[in-house]
Amino acid sequence: MSDIHLDNSGAGPLQVPGFGDVPLDYELKIGQSFAHGALPNFPYLEGRATRLTLPEVFMLRLMERVTEIPNWEEDIFDNDVVAQWHADLLSDSKFSGQWDPAYCDEGVDMDLVSLTTWNWCVAELRDKAMDFVVRRYILTLNSDSGVCKSDVFVGKSLHHEFL
């Protein structure tokens, strides 16, 4: 197989995976890819991020959504509230089998999230809630990297600028 030349310089046609004649699933050779900047370049990953299955992505999205609910860090320990959240997720068109392209970056096909998977998310969220109470921040969407969420680390004036 010949080497594929990648080019996103703008000096010619775009040559990146999925564009030009570069296959969508093309990967750079081991040692040529960009290693994650926040974590060591573990030898077994060989500079590549681990891939997630679709149900794993949905789990991250579900946990992200729950952590946006006011007082989630307390309510996650109330089984009745958690059961209601699950029922709401099952009935919400963005989070059911009614896939809508408008929500492709945040939607979840709940048909791929079993009750066991949901319970795993709840257990992880309970761990996150205990950390949140102490640290006042949590990491979400955390697989190879994550997003730090906090209601206290950003001042009110900066927060209002974001709105």
N, C-alpha and C. Protein backbone atom coordinates (compact mmCIF):
# COMPACT_ATOMS: atom_id res chain seq x y z
N MET A 1 0.85 -1.18 0.00
CA MET A 1 0.00 0.00 0.00
C MET A 1 0.89 1.24 0.00
N SER A 2 0.59 2.16 -0.88
CA SER A 2 1.40 3.38 -0.94
C SER A 2 0.99 4.33 0.17
N ASP A 3 1.94 5.17 0.57
CA ASP A 3 1.65 6.16 1.59
C ASP A 3 0.69 7.20 1.03
N ILE A 4 -0.25 7.61 1.84
CA ILE A 4 -1.20 8.65 1.46
C ILE A 4 -0.69 9.96 2.00
N HIS A 5 -0.68 10.98 1.18
CA HIS A 5 -0.22 12.30 1.61
C HIS A 5 -1.42 13.09 2.11
N LEU A 6 -1.38 13.50 3.38
CA LEU A 6 -2.44 14.32 3.95
C LEU A 6 -2.07 15.79 3.80
N ASP A 7 -3.07 16.62 3.52
CA ASP A 7 -2.81 18.05 3.35
C ASP A 7 -4.07 18.84 3.70
N ASN A 8 -3.97 19.65 4.74
CA ASN A 8 -5.06 20.55 5.09
C ASN A 8 -4.56 21.99 5.12
N SER A 9 -3.53 22.28 4.32
CA SER A 9 -2.88 23.60 4.32
C SER A 9 -3.70 24.66 3.61
N GLY A 10 -4.62 24.27 2.76
CA GLY A 10 -5.37 25.23 1.97
C GLY A 10 -4.68 25.55 0.66
N ALA A 11 -3.48 25.03 0.45
CA ALA A 11 -2.72 25.30 -0.77
C ALA A 11 -3.16 24.41 -1.93
N GLY A 12 -4.03 23.48 -1.67
CA GLY A 12 -4.50 22.56 -2.70
C GLY A 12 -5.77 21.91 -2.22
N PRO A 13 -6.20 20.86 -2.90
CA PRO A 13 -7.41 20.17 -2.46
C PRO A 13 -7.21 19.57 -1.07
N LEU A 14 -8.28 19.56 -0.30
CA LEU A 14 -8.25 19.00 1.05
C LEU A 14 -8.00 17.50 0.96
N GLN A 15 -6.96 17.04 1.64
CA GLN A 15 -6.58 15.64 1.64
C GLN A 15 -6.50 15.16 3.10
N VAL A 16 -7.65 14.84 3.65
CA VAL A 16 -7.75 14.31 5.00
C VAL A 16 -8.73 13.14 4.95
N PRO A 17 -8.76 12.29 5.98
CA PRO A 17 -9.68 11.16 5.94
C PRO A 17 -11.11 11.58 5.61
N GLY A 18 -11.65 10.93 4.57
CA GLY A 18 -13.01 11.22 4.14
C GLY A 18 -13.10 12.26 3.04
N PHE A 19 -11.98 12.89 2.67
CA PHE A 19 -11.96 13.90 1.61
C PHE A 19 -10.91 13.53 0.58
N GLY A 20 -11.12 14.04 -0.64
CA GLY A 20 -10.18 13.71 -1.71
C GLY A 20 -10.18 12.22 -1.94
N ASP A 21 -9.01 11.66 -2.11
CA ASP A 21 -8.92 10.21 -2.32
C ASP A 21 -8.45 9.47 -1.07
N VAL A 22 -8.62 10.12 0.10
CA VAL A 22 -8.21 9.50 1.36
C VAL A 22 -9.41 8.75 1.95
N PRO A 23 -9.27 7.45 2.19
CA PRO A 23 -10.38 6.69 2.78
C PRO A 23 -10.78 7.25 4.15
N LEU A 24 -12.06 7.17 4.45
CA LEU A 24 -12.58 7.70 5.71
C LEU A 24 -11.90 7.07 6.92
N ASP A 25 -11.55 5.80 6.85
CA ASP A 25 -10.96 5.10 8.00
C ASP A 25 -9.43 5.11 7.99
N TYR A 26 -8.83 5.96 7.18
CA TYR A 26 -7.37 6.02 7.10
C TYR A 26 -6.77 6.52 8.41
N GLU A 27 -5.72 5.85 8.87
CA GLU A 27 -4.99 6.29 10.06
C GLU A 27 -3.51 6.40 9.72
N LEU A 28 -2.85 7.33 10.36
CA LEU A 28 -1.41 7.46 10.18
C LEU A 28 -0.71 6.24 10.75
N LYS A 29 0.49 6.00 10.28
CA LYS A 29 1.28 4.89 10.80
C LYS A 29 1.62 5.13 12.27
N ILE A 30 1.89 4.05 12.97
CA ILE A 30 2.28 4.14 14.37
C ILE A 30 3.50 5.04 14.49
N GLY A 31 3.45 5.96 15.43
CA GLY A 31 4.55 6.89 15.63
C GLY A 31 4.39 8.19 14.87
N GLN A 32 3.47 8.24 13.91
CA GLN A 32 3.25 9.47 13.15
C GLN A 32 2.01 10.22 13.61
N SER A 33 1.17 9.57 14.40
CA SER A 33 -0.07 10.21 14.82
C SER A 33 0.17 11.10 16.03
N PHE A 34 -0.77 11.99 16.26
CA PHE A 34 -0.68 12.92 17.38
C PHE A 34 -1.09 12.22 18.65
N ALA A 35 -0.21 12.18 19.62
CA ALA A 35 -0.54 11.57 20.91
C ALA A 35 -1.35 12.55 21.74
N HIS A 36 -2.20 12.03 22.58
CA HIS A 36 -3.03 12.86 23.45
C HIS A 36 -2.14 13.73 24.32
N GLY A 37 -2.43 15.01 24.40
CA GLY A 37 -1.57 15.95 25.12
C GLY A 37 -1.67 15.87 26.63
N ALA A 38 -2.76 15.33 27.16
CA ALA A 38 -2.95 15.34 28.61
C ALA A 38 -2.53 14.03 29.27
N LEU A 39 -2.43 12.99 28.51
CA LEU A 39 -2.08 11.69 29.07
C LEU A 39 -0.80 11.19 28.44
N PRO A 40 -0.07 10.36 29.15
CA PRO A 40 1.14 9.79 28.55
C PRO A 40 0.79 8.99 27.30
N ASN A 41 1.74 8.86 26.42
CA ASN A 41 1.55 8.06 25.22
C ASN A 41 1.79 6.59 25.60
N PHE A 42 0.75 5.94 26.09
CA PHE A 42 0.89 4.57 26.54
C PHE A 42 1.29 3.67 25.38
N PRO A 43 2.27 2.80 25.59
CA PRO A 43 2.75 1.94 24.49
C PRO A 43 1.64 1.11 23.86
N TYR A 44 0.70 0.62 24.66
CA TYR A 44 -0.33 -0.24 24.09
C TYR A 44 -1.30 0.54 23.22
N LEU A 45 -1.39 1.87 23.40
CA LEU A 45 -2.25 2.68 22.54
C LEU A 45 -1.51 3.13 21.28
N GLU A 46 -0.21 3.12 21.33
CA GLU A 46 0.63 3.50 20.21
C GLU A 46 0.22 4.83 19.61
N GLY A 47 -0.08 5.80 20.49
CA GLY A 47 -0.39 7.14 20.04
C GLY A 47 -1.81 7.35 19.57
N ARG A 48 -2.63 6.34 19.72
CA ARG A 48 -4.01 6.46 19.25
C ARG A 48 -4.96 6.44 20.45
N ALA A 49 -6.00 7.23 20.33
CA ALA A 49 -7.04 7.20 21.36
C ALA A 49 -7.84 5.91 21.21
N THR A 50 -8.29 5.38 22.33
CA THR A 50 -9.14 4.20 22.26
C THR A 50 -10.48 4.61 21.67
N ARG A 51 -11.08 3.72 20.95
CA ARG A 51 -12.38 4.00 20.34
C ARG A 51 -13.46 3.52 21.28
N LEU A 52 -14.57 4.24 21.26
CA LEU A 52 -15.71 3.89 22.09
C LEU A 52 -16.80 3.26 21.23
N THR A 53 -17.52 2.33 21.82
CA THR A 53 -18.68 1.79 21.13
C THR A 53 -19.81 2.81 21.23
N LEU A 54 -20.83 2.67 20.39
CA LEU A 54 -21.95 3.60 20.42
C LEU A 54 -22.65 3.59 21.78
N PRO A 55 -22.90 2.42 22.39
CA PRO A 55 -23.50 2.46 23.73
C PRO A 55 -22.63 3.20 24.75
N GLU A 56 -21.31 3.11 24.63
CA GLU A 56 -20.43 3.85 25.55
C GLU A 56 -20.57 5.36 25.33
N VAL A 57 -20.66 5.77 24.08
CA VAL A 57 -20.87 7.19 23.79
C VAL A 57 -22.21 7.64 24.38
N PHE A 58 -23.24 6.81 24.23
CA PHE A 58 -24.55 7.15 24.78
C PHE A 58 -24.50 7.26 26.30
N MET A 59 -23.73 6.39 26.94
CA MET A 59 -23.59 6.47 28.40
C MET A 59 -22.99 7.82 28.80
N LEU A 60 -21.96 8.25 28.10
CA LEU A 60 -21.34 9.55 28.40
C LEU A 60 -22.34 10.68 28.20
N ARG A 61 -23.12 10.61 27.13
CA ARG A 61 -24.12 11.64 26.87
C ARG A 61 -25.20 11.66 27.94
N LEU A 62 -25.65 10.48 28.36
CA LEU A 62 -26.67 10.42 29.42
C LEU A 62 -26.15 11.04 30.71
N MET A 63 -24.93 10.69 31.08
CA MET A 63 -24.38 11.22 32.33
C MET A 63 -24.17 12.73 32.22
N GLU A 64 -23.79 13.21 31.06
CA GLU A 64 -23.65 14.65 30.84
C GLU A 64 -25.00 15.33 31.02
N ARG A 65 -26.04 14.73 30.46
CA ARG A 65 -27.38 15.33 30.58
C ARG A 65 -27.84 15.36 32.04
N VAL A 66 -27.64 14.28 32.76
CA VAL A 66 -28.07 14.24 34.16
C VAL A 66 -27.34 15.31 34.98
N THR A 67 -26.05 15.52 34.72
CA THR A 67 -25.30 16.50 35.51
C THR A 67 -25.69 17.94 35.19
N GLU A 68 -26.56 18.14 34.21
CA GLU A 68 -27.10 19.47 33.92
C GLU A 68 -28.38 19.74 34.72
N ILE A 69 -28.92 18.74 35.35
CA ILE A 69 -30.15 18.89 36.13
C ILE A 69 -29.81 19.55 37.46
N PRO A 70 -30.53 20.62 37.83
CA PRO A 70 -30.26 21.27 39.12
C PRO A 70 -30.37 20.26 40.27
N ASN A 71 -29.43 20.33 41.19
CA ASN A 71 -29.36 19.47 42.39
C ASN A 71 -29.18 17.99 42.06
N TRP A 72 -28.63 17.70 40.90
CA TRP A 72 -28.43 16.31 40.53
C TRP A 72 -27.58 15.57 41.55
N GLU A 73 -26.61 16.30 42.13
CA GLU A 73 -25.67 15.65 43.05
C GLU A 73 -26.34 15.16 44.32
N GLU A 74 -27.52 15.69 44.64
CA GLU A 74 -28.31 15.20 45.78
C GLU A 74 -29.36 14.19 45.30
N ASP A 75 -30.04 14.56 44.21
CA ASP A 75 -31.14 13.72 43.73
C ASP A 75 -30.69 12.37 43.19
N ILE A 76 -29.43 12.23 42.81
CA ILE A 76 -28.95 10.96 42.28
C ILE A 76 -29.04 9.84 43.32
N PHE A 77 -29.14 10.21 44.60
CA PHE A 77 -29.24 9.21 45.67
C PHE A 77 -30.69 8.88 46.02
N ASP A 78 -31.65 9.53 45.37
CA ASP A 78 -33.07 9.29 45.59
C ASP A 78 -33.57 8.36 44.47
N ASN A 79 -33.84 7.11 44.82
CA ASN A 79 -34.21 6.12 43.82
C ASN A 79 -35.48 6.49 43.05
N ASP A 80 -36.42 7.19 43.71
CA ASP A 80 -37.64 7.61 43.01
C ASP A 80 -37.33 8.65 41.94
N VAL A 81 -36.47 9.59 42.26
CA VAL A 81 -36.07 10.62 41.29
C VAL A 81 -35.32 9.97 40.13
N VAL A 82 -34.41 9.07 40.45
CA VAL A 82 -33.63 8.39 39.41
C VAL A 82 -34.56 7.60 38.49
N ALA A 83 -35.57 6.94 39.05
CA ALA A 83 -36.53 6.20 38.23
C ALA A 83 -37.30 7.16 37.31
N GLN A 84 -37.64 8.34 37.82
CA GLN A 84 -38.34 9.33 37.00
C GLN A 84 -37.44 9.83 35.87
N TRP A 85 -36.17 10.07 36.18
CA TRP A 85 -35.23 10.49 35.13
C TRP A 85 -35.18 9.45 34.02
N HIS A 86 -35.10 8.19 34.43
CA HIS A 86 -35.03 7.11 33.43
C HIS A 86 -36.29 7.10 32.58
N ALA A 87 -37.45 7.24 33.21
CA ALA A 87 -38.71 7.27 32.46
C ALA A 87 -38.73 8.46 31.51
N ASP A 88 -38.25 9.61 31.97
CA ASP A 88 -38.20 10.80 31.12
C ASP A 88 -37.29 10.58 29.92
N LEU A 89 -36.14 9.96 30.14
CA LEU A 89 -35.21 9.69 29.05
C LEU A 89 -35.83 8.75 28.02
N LEU A 90 -36.58 7.76 28.50
CA LEU A 90 -37.21 6.82 27.59
C LEU A 90 -38.30 7.47 26.75
N SER A 91 -38.97 8.49 27.30
CA SER A 91 -40.07 9.13 26.57
C SER A 91 -39.63 10.33 25.73
N ASP A 92 -38.46 10.88 26.00
CA ASP A 92 -37.96 12.04 25.27
C ASP A 92 -37.53 11.60 23.87
N SER A 93 -38.07 12.25 22.84
CA SER A 93 -37.76 11.83 21.47
C SER A 93 -36.28 11.93 21.14
N LYS A 94 -35.55 12.86 21.80
CA LYS A 94 -34.11 12.96 21.55
C LYS A 94 -33.38 11.77 22.15
N PHE A 95 -34.01 11.12 23.11
CA PHE A 95 -33.35 10.04 23.83
C PHE A 95 -34.13 8.74 23.70
N SER A 96 -34.81 8.58 22.59
CA SER A 96 -35.50 7.33 22.32
C SER A 96 -35.09 6.85 20.94
N GLY A 97 -35.71 5.82 20.47
CA GLY A 97 -35.38 5.30 19.16
C GLY A 97 -35.78 6.22 18.02
N GLN A 98 -36.45 7.33 18.31
CA GLN A 98 -36.88 8.27 17.28
C GLN A 98 -35.71 9.20 16.95
N TRP A 99 -34.80 8.71 16.16
CA TRP A 99 -33.56 9.44 15.86
C TRP A 99 -33.87 10.65 15.01
N ASP A 100 -33.37 11.80 15.41
CA ASP A 100 -33.57 13.05 14.69
C ASP A 100 -32.19 13.62 14.35
N PRO A 101 -31.89 13.83 13.07
CA PRO A 101 -30.57 14.35 12.70
C PRO A 101 -30.23 15.67 13.38
N ALA A 102 -31.24 16.45 13.77
CA ALA A 102 -30.97 17.72 14.44
C ALA A 102 -30.26 17.51 15.77
N TYR A 103 -30.40 16.32 16.34
CA TYR A 103 -29.80 16.04 17.64
C TYR A 103 -28.70 14.99 17.54
N CYS A 104 -28.08 14.84 16.38
CA CYS A 104 -27.13 13.74 16.19
C CYS A 104 -25.92 13.85 17.11
N ASP A 105 -25.58 15.04 17.58
CA ASP A 105 -24.43 15.18 18.47
C ASP A 105 -24.80 15.06 19.93
N GLU A 106 -26.07 14.98 20.25
CA GLU A 106 -26.46 14.86 21.65
C GLU A 106 -27.49 13.78 21.88
N GLY A 107 -28.05 13.24 20.82
CA GLY A 107 -29.09 12.25 20.96
C GLY A 107 -28.57 10.92 21.47
N VAL A 108 -29.50 10.15 21.99
CA VAL A 108 -29.17 8.82 22.50
C VAL A 108 -30.30 7.89 22.09
N ASP A 109 -29.96 6.81 21.44
CA ASP A 109 -30.94 5.79 21.12
C ASP A 109 -31.08 4.91 22.36
N MET A 110 -32.14 5.14 23.13
CA MET A 110 -32.30 4.43 24.39
C MET A 110 -32.52 2.93 24.18
N ASP A 111 -32.80 2.52 22.95
CA ASP A 111 -32.89 1.09 22.68
C ASP A 111 -31.53 0.41 22.86
N LEU A 112 -30.45 1.18 22.77
CA LEU A 112 -29.10 0.64 22.95
C LEU A 112 -28.59 0.80 24.38
N VAL A 113 -29.43 1.37 25.25
CA VAL A 113 -29.04 1.56 26.65
C VAL A 113 -29.95 0.67 27.50
N SER A 114 -29.43 -0.46 27.88
CA SER A 114 -30.21 -1.41 28.67
C SER A 114 -30.37 -0.90 30.10
N LEU A 115 -31.25 -1.54 30.85
CA LEU A 115 -31.42 -1.18 32.25
C LEU A 115 -30.12 -1.38 33.02
N THR A 116 -29.39 -2.43 32.70
CA THR A 116 -28.09 -2.66 33.34
C THR A 116 -27.13 -1.51 33.04
N THR A 117 -27.14 -1.05 31.79
CA THR A 117 -26.28 0.08 31.40
C THR A 117 -26.69 1.33 32.16
N TRP A 118 -28.00 1.60 32.24
CA TRP A 118 -28.50 2.75 32.98
C TRP A 118 -28.05 2.67 34.44
N ASN A 119 -28.18 1.50 35.04
CA ASN A 119 -27.77 1.34 36.45
C ASN A 119 -26.27 1.58 36.62
N TRP A 120 -25.48 1.20 35.64
CA TRP A 120 -24.05 1.47 35.68
C TRP A 120 -23.81 2.99 35.66
N CYS A 121 -24.55 3.69 34.81
CA CYS A 121 -24.44 5.16 34.76
C CYS A 121 -24.81 5.78 36.10
N VAL A 122 -25.87 5.29 36.71
CA VAL A 122 -26.29 5.81 38.02
C VAL A 122 -25.20 5.58 39.06
N ALA A 123 -24.61 4.39 39.07
CA ALA A 123 -23.53 4.11 40.02
C ALA A 123 -22.36 5.06 39.81
N GLU A 124 -21.99 5.29 38.55
CA GLU A 124 -20.88 6.20 38.27
C GLU A 124 -21.24 7.63 38.67
N LEU A 125 -22.48 8.04 38.41
CA LEU A 125 -22.91 9.39 38.79
C LEU A 125 -22.93 9.56 40.31
N ARG A 126 -23.25 8.50 41.03
CA ARG A 126 -23.22 8.60 42.50
C ARG A 126 -21.78 8.81 42.99
N ASP A 127 -20.83 8.13 42.37
CA ASP A 127 -19.42 8.38 42.70
C ASP A 127 -19.04 9.81 42.37
N LYS A 128 -19.45 10.28 41.20
CA LYS A 128 -19.14 11.65 40.78
C LYS A 128 -19.78 12.66 41.73
N ALA A 129 -20.99 12.37 42.19
CA ALA A 129 -21.69 13.29 43.09
C ALA A 129 -20.94 13.44 44.41
N MET A 130 -20.41 12.34 44.94
CA MET A 130 -19.65 12.42 46.19
C MET A 130 -18.40 13.27 46.00
N ASP A 131 -17.73 13.12 44.86
CA ASP A 131 -16.57 13.96 44.56
C ASP A 131 -16.97 15.42 44.37
N PHE A 132 -18.10 15.64 43.70
CA PHE A 132 -18.57 16.99 43.41
C PHE A 132 -18.83 17.77 44.70
N VAL A 133 -19.41 17.12 45.68
CA VAL A 133 -19.71 17.79 46.95
C VAL A 133 -18.43 18.29 47.61
N VAL A 134 -17.36 17.53 47.50
CA VAL A 134 -16.08 17.91 48.11
C VAL A 134 -15.31 18.89 47.24
N ARG A 135 -15.19 18.59 45.96
CA ARG A 135 -14.32 19.38 45.07
C ARG A 135 -15.02 20.54 44.38
N ARG A 136 -16.34 20.47 44.26
CA ARG A 136 -17.15 21.48 43.57
C ARG A 136 -16.94 21.46 42.06
N TYR A 137 -16.42 20.38 41.53
CA TYR A 137 -16.35 20.18 40.09
C TYR A 137 -16.38 18.69 39.81
N ILE A 138 -16.74 18.36 38.59
CA ILE A 138 -16.69 16.96 38.15
C ILE A 138 -16.13 16.93 36.73
N LEU A 139 -15.68 15.77 36.34
CA LEU A 139 -15.31 15.54 34.95
C LEU A 139 -16.45 14.79 34.28
N THR A 140 -16.85 15.30 33.12
CA THR A 140 -17.87 14.60 32.33
C THR A 140 -17.29 14.31 30.96
N LEU A 141 -18.03 13.52 30.21
CA LEU A 141 -17.58 13.12 28.87
C LEU A 141 -16.15 12.59 28.93
N ASN A 142 -15.83 11.93 30.04
CA ASN A 142 -14.45 11.50 30.25
C ASN A 142 -14.23 10.06 29.78
N SER A 143 -13.48 9.99 28.70
CA SER A 143 -12.98 8.70 28.23
C SER A 143 -11.47 8.85 28.13
N ASP A 144 -10.95 9.37 27.05
CA ASP A 144 -9.52 9.68 26.97
C ASP A 144 -9.22 11.06 27.52
N SER A 145 -10.17 11.93 27.43
CA SER A 145 -10.06 13.27 28.00
C SER A 145 -11.42 13.57 28.61
N GLY A 146 -11.62 14.74 29.11
CA GLY A 146 -12.89 15.06 29.74
C GLY A 146 -13.15 16.54 29.76
N VAL A 147 -14.32 16.88 30.25
CA VAL A 147 -14.73 18.27 30.40
C VAL A 147 -14.94 18.52 31.89
N CYS A 148 -14.30 19.54 32.41
CA CYS A 148 -14.46 19.90 33.82
C CYS A 148 -15.67 20.80 33.94
N LYS A 149 -16.61 20.41 34.80
CA LYS A 149 -17.82 21.21 35.01
C LYS A 149 -17.85 21.69 36.46
N SER A 150 -18.14 22.97 36.62
CA SER A 150 -18.24 23.54 37.96
C SER A 150 -19.15 24.75 37.91
N ASP A 151 -19.92 24.93 38.97
CA ASP A 151 -20.76 26.12 39.09
C ASP A 151 -20.06 27.23 39.86
N VAL A 152 -18.87 26.94 40.40
CA VAL A 152 -18.21 27.93 41.25
C VAL A 152 -16.86 28.41 40.72
N PHE A 153 -16.27 27.73 39.74
CA PHE A 153 -14.95 28.12 39.26
C PHE A 153 -14.98 29.31 38.32
N VAL A 154 -16.10 29.57 37.71
CA VAL A 154 -16.24 30.70 36.80
C VAL A 154 -17.03 31.78 37.53
N GLY A 155 -16.47 32.98 37.59
CA GLY A 155 -17.15 34.08 38.27
C GLY A 155 -18.45 34.45 37.58
N LYS A 156 -19.35 35.11 38.32
CA LYS A 156 -20.66 35.45 37.79
C LYS A 156 -20.57 36.36 36.57
N SER A 157 -19.64 37.32 36.58
CA SER A 157 -19.55 38.24 35.44
C SER A 157 -19.14 37.49 34.17
N LEU A 158 -18.16 36.59 34.29
CA LEU A 158 -17.75 35.81 33.12
C LEU A 158 -18.87 34.87 32.69
N HIS A 159 -19.56 34.29 33.65
CA HIS A 159 -20.68 33.41 33.35
C HIS A 159 -21.73 34.14 32.54
N HIS A 160 -22.06 35.37 32.92
CA HIS A 160 -23.06 36.15 32.19
C HIS A 160 -22.59 36.49 30.78
N GLU A 161 -21.29 36.65 30.59
CA GLU A 161 -20.76 36.91 29.25
C GLU A 161 -20.99 35.72 28.33
N PHE A 162 -20.96 34.52 28.90
CA PHE A 162 -21.20 33.33 28.09
C PHE A 162 -22.65 33.23 27.66
N LEU A 163 -23.54 33.79 28.46
CA LEU A 163 -24.97 33.71 28.14
C LEU A 163 -25.28 34.70 27.10
